[in-house]
PDB file of N, CA and C in Angstrom:
ATOM      1  N   MET A   1    -106.668  -8.756 146.875  1.00  0.00           N
ATOM      2  CA  MET A   1    -105.481  -9.293 147.478  1.00  0.00           C
ATOM      3  C   MET A   1    -105.869 -10.445 148.382  1.00  0.00           C
ATOM      4  N   ASN A   2    -104.940 -11.356 148.588  1.00  0.00           N
ATOM      5  CA  ASN A   2    -105.258 -12.514 149.416  1.00  0.00           C
ATOM      6  C   ASN A   2    -104.099 -12.828 150.351  1.00  0.00           C
ATOM      7  N   ASP A   3    -104.250 -13.898 151.151  1.00  0.00           N
ATOM      8  CA  ASP A   3    -103.241 -14.194 152.163  1.00  0.00           C
ATOM      9  C   ASP A   3    -101.941 -14.739 151.577  1.00  0.00           C
ATOM     10  N   ARG A   4    -101.892 -14.934 150.271  1.00  0.00           N
ATOM     11  CA  ARG A   4    -100.633 -15.325 149.629  1.00  0.00           C
ATOM     12  C   ARG A   4     -99.786 -14.092 149.290  1.00  0.00           C
ATOM     13  N   ASP A   5    -100.426 -12.925 149.252  1.00  0.00           N
ATOM     14  CA  ASP A   5     -99.694 -11.695 148.961  1.00  0.00           C
ATOM     15  C   ASP A   5     -98.768 -11.365 150.127  1.00  0.00           C
ATOM     16  N   LEU A   6     -97.572 -10.947 149.789  1.00  0.00           N
ATOM     17  CA  LEU A   6     -96.571 -10.624 150.791  1.00  0.00           C
ATOM     18  C   LEU A   6     -96.579  -9.145 151.152  1.00  0.00           C
ATOM     19  N   ARG A   7     -96.951  -8.319 150.192  1.00  0.00           N
ATOM     20  CA  ARG A   7     -96.835  -6.871 150.364  1.00  0.00           C
ATOM     21  C   ARG A   7     -98.094  -6.184 149.853  1.00  0.00           C
ATOM     22  N   PHE A   8     -98.524  -5.148 150.590  1.00  0.00           N
ATOM     23  CA  PHE A   8     -99.668  -4.341 150.201  1.00  0.00           C
ATOM     24  C   PHE A   8     -99.188  -2.896 150.173  1.00  0.00           C
ATOM     25  N   THR A   9     -99.289  -2.241 149.046  1.00  0.00           N
ATOM     26  CA  THR A   9     -98.771  -0.877 148.947  1.00  0.00           C
ATOM     27  C   THR A   9     -99.871   0.152 149.168  1.00  0.00           C
ATOM     28  N   LEU A  10     -99.448   1.311 149.605  1.00  0.00           N
ATOM     29  CA  LEU A  10    -100.372   2.429 149.776  1.00  0.00           C
ATOM     30  C   LEU A  10    -101.003   2.785 148.435  1.00  0.00           C
ATOM     31  N   GLU A  11    -100.223   2.758 147.376  1.00  0.00           N
ATOM     32  CA  GLU A  11    -100.738   3.095 146.042  1.00  0.00           C
ATOM     33  C   GLU A  11    -101.834   2.130 145.592  1.00  0.00           C
ATOM     34  N   GLN A  12    -101.639   0.828 145.830  1.00  0.00           N
ATOM     35  CA  GLN A  12    -102.676  -0.155 145.481  1.00  0.00           C
ATOM     36  C   GLN A  12    -103.969   0.137 146.233  1.00  0.00           C
ATOM     37  N   ALA A  13    -103.847   0.394 147.516  1.00  0.00           N
ATOM     38  CA  ALA A  13    -105.027   0.654 148.332  1.00  0.00           C
ATOM     39  C   ALA A  13    -105.711   1.952 147.920  1.00  0.00           C
ATOM     40  N   GLN A  14    -104.936   2.978 147.584  1.00  0.00           N
ATOM     41  CA  GLN A  14    -105.520   4.247 147.154  1.00  0.00           C
ATOM     42  C   GLN A  14    -106.290   4.086 145.847  1.00  0.00           C
ATOM     43  N   ARG A  15    -105.781   3.279 144.940  1.00  0.00           N
ATOM     44  CA  ARG A  15    -106.490   3.046 143.669  1.00  0.00           C
ATOM     45  C   ARG A  15    -107.821   2.338 143.890  1.00  0.00           C
ATOM     46  N   ALA A  16    -107.926   1.571 144.959  1.00  0.00           N
ATOM     47  CA  ALA A  16    -109.152   0.821 145.243  1.00  0.00           C
ATOM     48  C   ALA A  16    -110.186   1.637 146.019  1.00  0.00           C
ATOM     49  N   LEU A  17    -109.826   2.844 146.471  1.00  0.00           N
ATOM     50  CA  LEU A  17    -110.773   3.680 147.218  1.00  0.00           C
ATOM     51  C   LEU A  17    -111.914   4.145 146.330  1.00  0.00           C
ATOM     52  N   PRO A  18    -113.127   4.234 146.864  1.00  0.00           N
ATOM     53  CA  PRO A  18    -114.216   4.857 146.107  1.00  0.00           C
ATOM     54  C   PRO A  18    -113.856   6.306 145.804  1.00  0.00           C
ATOM     55  N   ALA A  19    -114.205   6.781 144.639  1.00  0.00           N
ATOM     56  CA  ALA A  19    -113.859   8.141 144.227  1.00  0.00           C
ATOM     57  C   ALA A  19    -114.689   9.194 144.949  1.00  0.00           C
ATOM     58  N   GLU A  20    -115.906   8.867 145.288  1.00  0.00           N
ATOM     59  CA  GLU A  20    -116.827   9.845 145.877  1.00  0.00           C
ATOM     60  C   GLU A  20    -117.189   9.461 147.296  1.00  0.00           C
ATOM     61  N   GLY A  21    -117.700  10.452 148.030  1.00  0.00           N
ATOM     62  CA  GLY A  21    -118.226  10.211 149.372  1.00  0.00           C
ATOM     63  C   GLY A  21    -117.192  10.437 150.449  1.00  0.00           C
ATOM     64  N   ALA A  22    -117.670  10.780 151.631  1.00  0.00           N
ATOM     65  CA  ALA A  22    -116.786  11.061 152.759  1.00  0.00           C
ATOM     66  C   ALA A  22    -116.163   9.792 153.323  1.00  0.00           C
ATOM     67  N   GLU A  23    -116.889   8.681 153.289  1.00  0.00           N
ATOM     68  CA  GLU A  23    -116.401   7.432 153.876  1.00  0.00           C
ATOM     69  C   GLU A  23    -115.654   6.617 152.830  1.00  0.00           C
ATOM     70  N   ARG A  24    -114.411   6.938 152.624  1.00  0.00           N
ATOM     71  CA  ARG A  24    -113.594   6.244 151.623  1.00  0.00           C
ATOM     72  C   ARG A  24    -112.766   5.174 152.309  1.00  0.00           C
ATOM     73  N   TRP A  25    -113.053   3.900 151.985  1.00  0.00           N
ATOM     74  CA  TRP A  25    -112.430   2.749 152.634  1.00  0.00           C
ATOM     75  C   TRP A  25    -112.167   1.681 151.593  1.00  0.00           C
ATOM     76  N   SER A  26    -110.994   1.081 151.643  1.00  0.00           N
ATOM     77  CA  SER A  26    -110.729  -0.087 150.795  1.00  0.00           C
ATOM     78  C   SER A  26    -110.031  -1.140 151.636  1.00  0.00           C
ATOM     79  N   GLU A  27    -110.578  -2.334 151.641  1.00  0.00           N
ATOM     80  CA  GLU A  27    -109.971  -3.448 152.366  1.00  0.00           C
ATOM     81  C   GLU A  27    -108.937  -4.109 151.472  1.00  0.00           C
ATOM     82  N   VAL A  28    -107.740  -4.339 152.012  1.00  0.00           N
ATOM     83  CA  VAL A  28    -106.681  -4.945 151.202  1.00  0.00           C
ATOM     84  C   VAL A  28    -106.331  -6.354 151.646  1.00  0.00           C
ATOM     85  N   PHE A  29    -106.722  -6.731 152.864  1.00  0.00           N
ATOM     86  CA  PHE A  29    -106.336  -8.057 153.363  1.00  0.00           C
ATOM     87  C   PHE A  29    -107.301  -8.508 154.437  1.00  0.00           C
ATOM     88  N   ARG A  30    -107.607  -9.811 154.415  1.00  0.00           N
ATOM     89  CA  ARG A  30    -108.470 -10.408 155.443  1.00  0.00           C
ATOM     90  C   ARG A  30    -107.994 -11.843 155.683  1.00  0.00           C
ATOM     91  N   ARG A  31    -107.861 -12.191 156.950  1.00  0.00           N
ATOM     92  CA  ARG A  31    -107.529 -13.566 157.331  1.00  0.00           C
ATOM     93  C   ARG A  31    -107.994 -13.773 158.763  1.00  0.00           C
ATOM     94  N   GLY A  32    -108.892 -14.724 158.966  1.00  0.00           N
ATOM     95  CA  GLY A  32    -109.441 -14.944 160.301  1.00  0.00           C
ATOM     96  C   GLY A  32    -110.114 -13.678 160.799  1.00  0.00           C
ATOM     97  N   THR A  33    -109.755 -13.247 161.991  1.00  0.00           N
ATOM     98  CA  THR A  33    -110.350 -12.033 162.560  1.00  0.00           C
ATOM     99  C   THR A  33    -109.635 -10.771 162.110  1.00  0.00           C
ATOM    100  N   LEU A  34    -108.513 -10.911 161.411  1.00  0.00           N
ATOM    101  CA  LEU A  34    -107.719  -9.762 161.000  1.00  0.00           C
ATOM    102  C   LEU A  34    -108.219  -9.175 159.688  1.00  0.00           C
ATOM    103  N   ARG A  35    -108.415  -7.843 159.682  1.00  0.00           N
ATOM    104  CA  ARG A  35    -108.741  -7.119 158.449  1.00  0.00           C
ATOM    105  C   ARG A  35    -107.843  -5.896 158.385  1.00  0.00           C
ATOM    106  N   VAL A  36    -107.283  -5.631 157.219  1.00  0.00           N
ATOM    107  CA  VAL A  36    -106.433  -4.467 157.008  1.00  0.00           C
ATOM    108  C   VAL A  36    -106.989  -3.684 155.833  1.00  0.00           C
ATOM    109  N   GLY A  37    -107.069  -2.380 155.989  1.00  0.00           N
ATOM    110  CA  GLY A  37    -107.572  -1.550 154.902  1.00  0.00           C
ATOM    111  C   GLY A  37    -107.027  -0.144 154.987  1.00  0.00           C
ATOM    112  N   LEU A  38    -107.370   0.629 153.988  1.00  0.00           N
ATOM    113  CA  LEU A  38    -106.991   2.031 153.943  1.00  0.00           C
ATOM    114  C   LEU A  38    -108.250   2.863 154.125  1.00  0.00           C
ATOM    115  N   TYR A  39    -108.180   3.847 155.024  1.00  0.00           N
ATOM    116  CA  TYR A  39    -109.284   4.763 155.259  1.00  0.00           C
ATOM    117  C   TYR A  39    -108.787   6.160 154.922  1.00  0.00           C
ATOM    118  N   ALA A  40    -109.507   6.852 154.060  1.00  0.00           N
ATOM    119  CA  ALA A  40    -109.119   8.197 153.624  1.00  0.00           C
ATOM    120  C   ALA A  40    -110.363   9.068 153.513  1.00  0.00           C
ATOM    121  N   PRO A  41    -110.944   9.449 154.660  1.00  0.00           N
ATOM    122  CA  PRO A  41    -112.168  10.258 154.623  1.00  0.00           C
ATOM    123  C   PRO A  41    -111.897  11.641 154.042  1.00  0.00           C
ATOM    124  N   ARG A  42    -112.921  12.242 153.515  1.00  0.00           N
ATOM    125  CA  ARG A  42    -112.831  13.608 152.997  1.00  0.00           C
ATOM    126  C   ARG A  42    -113.954  14.419 153.617  1.00  0.00           C
ATOM    127  N   GLY A  43    -113.622  15.606 154.095  1.00  0.00           N
ATOM    128  CA  GLY A  43    -114.627  16.490 154.675  1.00  0.00           C
ATOM    129  C   GLY A  43    -114.915  16.188 156.124  1.00  0.00           C
ATOM    130  N   GLU A  44    -115.670  15.143 156.396  1.00  0.00           N
ATOM    131  CA  GLU A  44    -116.095  14.802 157.745  1.00  0.00           C
ATOM    132  C   GLU A  44    -115.956  13.301 157.963  1.00  0.00           C
ATOM    133  N   ASP A  45    -115.530  12.928 159.153  1.00  0.00           N
ATOM    134  CA  ASP A  45    -115.423  11.512 159.528  1.00  0.00           C
ATOM    135  C   ASP A  45    -116.671  11.150 160.316  1.00  0.00           C
ATOM    136  N   ARG A  46    -117.531  10.333 159.719  1.00  0.00           N
ATOM    137  CA  ARG A  46    -118.809   9.985 160.352  1.00  0.00           C
ATOM    138  C   ARG A  46    -118.867   8.538 160.822  1.00  0.00           C
ATOM    139  N   GLN A  47    -117.722   7.920 161.010  1.00  0.00           N
ATOM    140  CA  GLN A  47    -117.748   6.509 161.384  1.00  0.00           C
ATOM    141  C   GLN A  47    -118.361   6.273 162.758  1.00  0.00           C
ATOM    142  N   GLN A  48    -118.830   5.072 162.959  1.00  0.00           N
ATOM    143  CA  GLN A  48    -119.441   4.633 164.202  1.00  0.00           C
ATOM    144  C   GLN A  48    -118.487   3.671 164.906  1.00  0.00           C
ATOM    145  N   PRO A  49    -118.695   3.415 166.205  1.00  0.00           N
ATOM    146  CA  PRO A  49    -117.839   2.449 166.901  1.00  0.00           C
ATOM    147  C   PRO A  49    -117.869   1.096 166.206  1.00  0.00           C
ATOM    148  N   HIS A  50    -116.740   0.408 166.294  1.00  0.00           N
ATOM    149  CA  HIS A  50    -116.592  -0.899 165.643  1.00  0.00           C
ATOM    150  C   HIS A  50    -116.636  -2.017 166.677  1.00  0.00           C
ATOM    151  N   ARG A  51    -116.912  -3.226 166.221  1.00  0.00           N
ATOM    152  CA  ARG A  51    -117.068  -4.365 167.132  1.00  0.00           C
ATOM    153  C   ARG A  51    -115.743  -5.028 167.488  1.00  0.00           C
ATOM    154  N   GLN A  52    -114.664  -4.628 166.817  1.00  0.00           N
ATOM    155  CA  GLN A  52    -113.341  -5.186 167.113  1.00  0.00           C
ATOM    156  C   GLN A  52    -112.404  -4.066 167.554  1.00  0.00           C
ATOM    157  N   ASP A  53    -111.324  -4.445 168.250  1.00  0.00           N
ATOM    158  CA  ASP A  53    -110.255  -3.497 168.528  1.00  0.00           C
ATOM    159  C   ASP A  53    -109.660  -3.066 167.198  1.00  0.00           C
ATOM    160  N   GLU A  54    -109.075  -1.857 167.169  1.00  0.00           N
ATOM    161  CA  GLU A  54    -108.475  -1.397 165.926  1.00  0.00           C
ATOM    162  C   GLU A  54    -107.274  -0.496 166.172  1.00  0.00           C
ATOM    163  N   LEU A  55    -106.375  -0.528 165.205  1.00  0.00           N
ATOM    164  CA  LEU A  55    -105.218   0.354 165.167  1.00  0.00           C
ATOM    165  C   LEU A  55    -105.295   1.175 163.898  1.00  0.00           C
ATOM    166  N   TYR A  56    -104.924   2.432 164.002  1.00  0.00           N
ATOM    167  CA  TYR A  56    -104.743   3.292 162.835  1.00  0.00           C
ATOM    168  C   TYR A  56    -103.260   3.612 162.745  1.00  0.00           C
ATOM    169  N   VAL A  57    -102.697   3.511 161.553  1.00  0.00           N
ATOM    170  CA  VAL A  57    -101.327   3.943 161.296  1.00  0.00           C
ATOM    171  C   VAL A  57    -101.430   5.080 160.294  1.00  0.00           C
ATOM    172  N   VAL A  58    -101.071   6.282 160.723  1.00  0.00           N
ATOM    173  CA  VAL A  58    -101.226   7.466 159.880  1.00  0.00           C
ATOM    174  C   VAL A  58    -100.120   7.482 158.826  1.00  0.00           C
ATOM    175  N   MET A  59    -100.531   7.440 157.569  1.00  0.00           N
ATOM    176  CA  MET A  59     -99.583   7.462 156.450  1.00  0.00           C
ATOM    177  C   MET A  59     -99.389   8.885 155.926  1.00  0.00           C
ATOM    178  N   ALA A  60    -100.466   9.663 155.895  1.00  0.00           N
ATOM    179  CA  ALA A  60    -100.411  11.043 155.395  1.00  0.00           C
ATOM    180  C   ALA A  60    -101.488  11.845 156.107  1.00  0.00           C
ATOM    181  N   GLY A  61    -101.233  13.132 156.240  1.00  0.00           N
ATOM    182  CA  GLY A  61    -102.226  14.028 156.811  1.00  0.00           C
ATOM    183  C   GLY A  61    -101.977  14.348 158.267  1.00  0.00           C
ATOM    184  N   ARG A  62    -102.663  15.381 158.703  1.00  0.00           N
ATOM    185  CA  ARG A  62    -102.567  15.851 160.089  1.00  0.00           C
ATOM    186  C   ARG A  62    -103.950  16.278 160.546  1.00  0.00           C
ATOM    187  N   GLY A  63    -104.133  16.321 161.846  1.00  0.00           N
ATOM    188  CA  GLY A  63    -105.382  16.769 162.419  1.00  0.00           C
ATOM    189  C   GLY A  63    -105.442  16.420 163.887  1.00  0.00           C
ATOM    190  N   ARG A  64    -106.663  16.220 164.362  1.00  0.00           N
ATOM    191  CA  ARG A  64    -106.880  15.797 165.744  1.00  0.00           C
ATOM    192  C   ARG A  64    -107.702  14.520 165.714  1.00  0.00           C
ATOM    193  N   PHE A  65    -107.466  13.651 166.685  1.00  0.00           N
ATOM    194  CA  PHE A  65    -108.199  12.401 166.801  1.00  0.00           C
ATOM    195  C   PHE A  65    -108.913  12.407 168.140  1.00  0.00           C
ATOM    196  N   GLU A  66    -110.209  12.056 168.098  1.00  0.00           N
ATOM    197  CA  GLU A  66    -111.001  12.004 169.324  1.00  0.00           C
ATOM    198  C   GLU A  66    -111.390  10.566 169.621  1.00  0.00           C
ATOM    199  N   ARG A  67    -111.145  10.170 170.865  1.00  0.00           N
ATOM    200  CA  ARG A  67    -111.542   8.837 171.329  1.00  0.00           C
ATOM    201  C   ARG A  67    -112.165   9.002 172.699  1.00  0.00           C
ATOM    202  N   ALA A  68    -113.452   8.666 172.806  1.00  0.00           N
ATOM    203  CA  ALA A  68    -114.185   8.742 174.084  1.00  0.00           C
ATOM    204  C   ALA A  68    -114.028  10.110 174.732  1.00  0.00           C
ATOM    205  N   GLY A  69    -114.092  11.178 173.910  1.00  0.00           N
ATOM    206  CA  GLY A  69    -114.040  12.532 174.428  1.00  0.00           C
ATOM    207  C   GLY A  69    -112.642  13.106 174.593  1.00  0.00           C
ATOM    208  N   GLU A  70    -111.613  12.276 174.543  1.00  0.00           N
ATOM    209  CA  GLU A  70    -110.230  12.758 174.644  1.00  0.00           C
ATOM    210  C   GLU A  70    -109.711  13.064 173.242  1.00  0.00           C
ATOM    211  N   ARG A  71    -109.033  14.205 173.079  1.00  0.00           N
ATOM    212  CA  ARG A  71    -108.528  14.613 171.764  1.00  0.00           C
ATOM    213  C   ARG A  71    -107.010  14.742 171.800  1.00  0.00           C
ATOM    214  N   VAL A  72    -106.371  14.229 170.729  1.00  0.00           N
ATOM    215  CA  VAL A  72    -104.920  14.339 170.596  1.00  0.00           C
ATOM    216  C   VAL A  72    -104.591  14.731 169.163  1.00  0.00           C
ATOM    217  N   PRO A  73    -103.487  15.472 168.956  1.00  0.00           N
ATOM    218  CA  PRO A  73    -103.047  15.760 167.593  1.00  0.00           C
ATOM    219  C   PRO A  73    -102.412  14.509 166.993  1.00  0.00           C
ATOM    220  N   PHE A  74    -102.446  14.400 165.661  1.00  0.00           N
ATOM    221  CA  PHE A  74    -101.791  13.281 164.990  1.00  0.00           C
ATOM    222  C   PHE A  74    -101.119  13.771 163.713  1.00  0.00           C
ATOM    223  N   GLY A  75    -100.169  12.973 163.249  1.00  0.00           N
ATOM    224  CA  GLY A  75     -99.465  13.251 162.008  1.00  0.00           C
ATOM    225  C   GLY A  75     -98.860  11.973 161.461  1.00  0.00           C
ATOM    226  N   PRO A  76     -98.194  12.047 160.306  1.00  0.00           N
ATOM    227  CA  PRO A  76     -97.620  10.853 159.671  1.00  0.00           C
ATOM    228  C   PRO A  76     -96.714  10.078 160.627  1.00  0.00           C
ATOM    229  N   GLY A  77     -96.898   8.770 160.627  1.00  0.00           N
ATOM    230  CA  GLY A  77     -96.103   7.892 161.468  1.00  0.00           C
ATOM    231  C   GLY A  77     -96.740   7.568 162.801  1.00  0.00           C
ATOM    232  N   ASP A  78     -97.774   8.302 163.197  1.00  0.00           N
ATOM    233  CA  ASP A  78     -98.432   8.032 164.475  1.00  0.00           C
ATOM    234  C   ASP A  78     -99.299   6.776 164.377  1.00  0.00           C
ATOM    235  N   VAL A  79     -99.437   6.101 165.524  1.00  0.00           N
ATOM    236  CA  VAL A  79    -100.317   4.942 165.647  1.00  0.00           C
ATOM    237  C   VAL A  79    -101.351   5.281 166.709  1.00  0.00           C
ATOM    238  N   LEU A  80    -102.616   5.056 166.386  1.00  0.00           N
ATOM    239  CA  LEU A  80    -103.731   5.362 167.279  1.00  0.00           C
ATOM    240  C   LEU A  80    -104.484   4.071 167.584  1.00  0.00           C
ATOM    241  N   PHE A  81    -104.809   3.821 168.835  1.00  0.00           N
ATOM    242  CA  PHE A  81    -105.522   2.608 169.240  1.00  0.00           C
ATOM    243  C   PHE A  81    -106.931   2.955 169.700  1.00  0.00           C
ATOM    244  N   VAL A  82    -107.898   2.120 169.282  1.00  0.00           N
ATOM    245  CA  VAL A  82    -109.289   2.289 169.712  1.00  0.00           C
ATOM    246  C   VAL A  82    -109.827   0.922 170.140  1.00  0.00           C
ATOM    247  N   PRO A  83    -110.227   0.788 171.414  1.00  0.00           N
ATOM    248  CA  PRO A  83    -110.853  -0.462 171.841  1.00  0.00           C
ATOM    249  C   PRO A  83    -112.219  -0.650 171.169  1.00  0.00           C
ATOM    250  N   ALA A  84    -112.635  -1.871 171.033  1.00  0.00           N
ATOM    251  CA  ALA A  84    -113.942  -2.175 170.453  1.00  0.00           C
ATOM    252  C   ALA A  84    -115.039  -1.417 171.176  1.00  0.00           C
ATOM    253  N   GLY A  85    -116.006  -0.895 170.406  1.00  0.00           N
ATOM    254  CA  GLY A  85    -117.183  -0.260 170.958  1.00  0.00           C
ATOM    255  C   GLY A  85    -117.018   1.176 171.422  1.00  0.00           C
ATOM    256  N   VAL A  86    -115.827   1.748 171.286  1.00  0.00           N
ATOM    257  CA  VAL A  86    -115.570   3.111 171.770  1.00  0.00           C
ATOM    258  C   VAL A  86    -115.776   4.124 170.640  1.00  0.00           C
ATOM    259  N   CYS A  87    -116.489   5.211 170.931  1.00  0.00           N
ATOM    260  CA  CYS A  87    -116.710   6.274 169.949  1.00  0.00           C
ATOM    261  C   CYS A  87    -115.379   6.951 169.626  1.00  0.00           C
ATOM    262  N   HIS A  88    -115.159   7.217 168.333  1.00  0.00           N
ATOM    263  CA  HIS A  88    -113.923   7.853 167.894  1.00  0.00           C
ATOM    264  C   HIS A  88    -114.125   8.483 166.531  1.00  0.00           C
ATOM    265  N   ARG A  89    -113.244   9.450 166.191  1.00  0.00           N
ATOM    266  CA  ARG A  89    -113.299  10.073 164.870  1.00  0.00           C
ATOM    267  C   ARG A  89    -112.107  10.985 164.667  1.00  0.00           C
ATOM    268  N   PHE A  90    -111.828  11.247 163.396  1.00  0.00           N
ATOM    269  CA  PHE A  90    -110.806  12.212 163.017  1.00  0.00           C
ATOM    270  C   PHE A  90    -111.470  13.582 162.900  1.00  0.00           C
ATOM    271  N   LEU A  91    -110.814  14.607 163.430  1.00  0.00           N
ATOM    272  CA  LEU A  91    -111.346  15.967 163.428  1.00  0.00           C
ATOM    273  C   LEU A  91    -110.346  16.924 162.791  1.00  0.00           C
ATOM    274  N   ASP A  92    -110.846  17.957 162.152  1.00  0.00           N
ATOM    275  CA  ASP A  92    -110.001  19.025 161.612  1.00  0.00           C
ATOM    276  C   ASP A  92    -108.801  18.474 160.847  1.00  0.00           C
ATOM    277  N   PHE A  93    -109.038  17.481 160.006  1.00  0.00           N
ATOM    278  CA  PHE A  93    -107.931  16.808 159.319  1.00  0.00           C
ATOM    279  C   PHE A  93    -107.688  17.402 157.941  1.00  0.00           C
ATOM    280  N   SER A  94    -106.458  17.260 157.484  1.00  0.00           N
ATOM    281  CA  SER A  94    -106.064  17.772 156.174  1.00  0.00           C
ATOM    282  C   SER A  94    -106.664  16.918 155.057  1.00  0.00           C
ATOM    283  N   ASP A  95    -106.727  17.491 153.861  1.00  0.00           N
ATOM    284  CA  ASP A  95    -107.355  16.830 152.715  1.00  0.00           C
ATOM    285  C   ASP A  95    -106.616  15.590 152.235  1.00  0.00           C
ATOM    286  N   ASP A  96    -105.388  15.399 152.685  1.00  0.00           N
ATOM    287  CA  ASP A  96    -104.612  14.235 152.232  1.00  0.00           C
ATOM    288  C   ASP A  96    -104.611  13.089 153.240  1.00  0.00           C
ATOM    289  N   LEU A  97    -105.502  13.125 154.249  1.00  0.00           N
ATOM    290  CA  LEU A  97    -105.507  12.091 155.281  1.00  0.00           C
ATOM    291  C   LEU A  97    -105.642  10.699 154.669  1.00  0.00           C
ATOM    292  N   ALA A  98    -104.723   9.813 155.045  1.00  0.00           N
ATOM    293  CA  ALA A  98    -104.757   8.399 154.653  1.00  0.00           C
ATOM    294  C   ALA A  98    -104.180   7.589 155.803  1.00  0.00           C
ATOM    295  N   VAL A  99    -104.957   6.631 156.311  1.00  0.00           N
ATOM    296  CA  VAL A  99    -104.514   5.811 157.435  1.00  0.00           C
ATOM    297  C   VAL A  99    -104.750   4.334 157.138  1.00  0.00           C
ATOM    298  N   TRP A 100    -103.742   3.513 157.463  1.00  0.00           N
ATOM    299  CA  TRP A 100    -103.970   2.075 157.462  1.00  0.00           C
ATOM    300  C   TRP A 100    -104.828   1.771 158.678  1.00  0.00           C
ATOM    301  N   VAL A 101    -105.801   0.909 158.525  1.00  0.00           N
ATOM    302  CA  VAL A 101    -106.659   0.486 159.630  1.00  0.00           C
ATOM    303  C   VAL A 101    -106.490  -1.014 159.790  1.00  0.00           C
ATOM    304  N   VAL A 102    -106.246  -1.435 161.026  1.00  0.00           N
ATOM    305  CA  VAL A 102    -106.100  -2.855 161.340  1.00  0.00           C
ATOM    306  C   VAL A 102    -107.168  -3.216 162.358  1.00  0.00           C
ATOM    307  N   PHE A 103    -108.139  -4.022 161.950  1.00  0.00           N
ATOM    308  CA  PHE A 103    -109.152  -4.573 162.852  1.00  0.00           C
ATOM    309  C   PHE A 103    -108.697  -5.978 163.224  1.00  0.00           C
ATOM    310  N   TYR A 104    -108.838  -6.336 164.498  1.00  0.00           N
ATOM    311  CA  TYR A 104    -108.384  -7.669 164.912  1.00  0.00           C
ATOM    312  C   TYR A 104    -109.122  -8.129 166.164  1.00  0.00           C
ATOM    313  N   GLY A 105    -109.068  -9.420 166.381  1.00  0.00           N
ATOM    314  CA  GLY A 105    -109.587 -10.020 167.618  1.00  0.00           C
ATOM    315  C   GLY A 105    -111.062 -10.308 167.581  1.00  0.00           C
ATOM    316  N   VAL A 106    -111.536 -10.736 168.730  1.00  0.00           N
ATOM    317  CA  VAL A 106    -112.931 -11.146 168.885  1.00  0.00           C
ATOM    318  C   VAL A 106    -113.837  -9.930 168.961  1.00  0.00           C
ATOM    319  N   GLU A 107    -115.107 -10.118 168.619  1.00  0.00           N
ATOM    320  CA  GLU A 107    -116.082  -9.041 168.774  1.00  0.00           C
ATOM    321  C   GLU A 107    -116.150  -8.665 170.249  1.00  0.00           C
ATOM    322  N   GLY A 108    -116.190  -7.369 170.512  1.00  0.00           N
ATOM    323  CA  GLY A 108    -116.192  -6.880 171.881  1.00  0.00           C
ATOM    324  C   GLY A 108    -114.801  -6.548 172.391  1.00  0.00           C
ATOM    325  N   GLY A 109    -113.773  -6.904 171.614  1.00  0.00           N
ATOM    326  CA  GLY A 109    -112.401  -6.569 171.977  1.00  0.00           C
ATOM    327  C   GLY A 109    -111.726  -7.617 172.837  1.00  0.00           C
ATOM    328  N   GLU A 110    -110.433  -7.464 172.943  1.00  0.00           N
ATOM    329  CA  GLU A 110    -109.632  -8.378 173.752  1.00  0.00           C
ATOM    330  C   GLU A 110    -109.389  -7.761 175.112  1.00  0.00           C
ATOM    331  N   ALA A 111    -109.195  -8.607 176.092  1.00  0.00           N
ATOM    332  CA  ALA A 111    -108.943  -8.141 177.473  1.00  0.00           C
ATOM    333  C   ALA A 111    -107.479  -7.826 177.680  1.00  0.00           C
TER     334      ALA A 111
END
């Protein structure tokens, strides 16, 4: 997909996910510092802190989200924010977890 595309569907992104492995990620759009993708981990979320600020938009699934030691429940429709460089992960999540991920801004995060 490119910056001429107007719409990105969940189904398109799901088809682009790797079939195997816990870290299932597909990028659907990139322009400047902005990257949008679908993240659908299975089993365990082993991601590391990222260099940009990020938003997660929960499309499917439920569980708990941990950011810098604080834990909150999440479900479809929730939006989760993580500043650049902060440890975070999905915990105790259902097998259907799928979240849009939006990375944006300068490395190190915005003030």
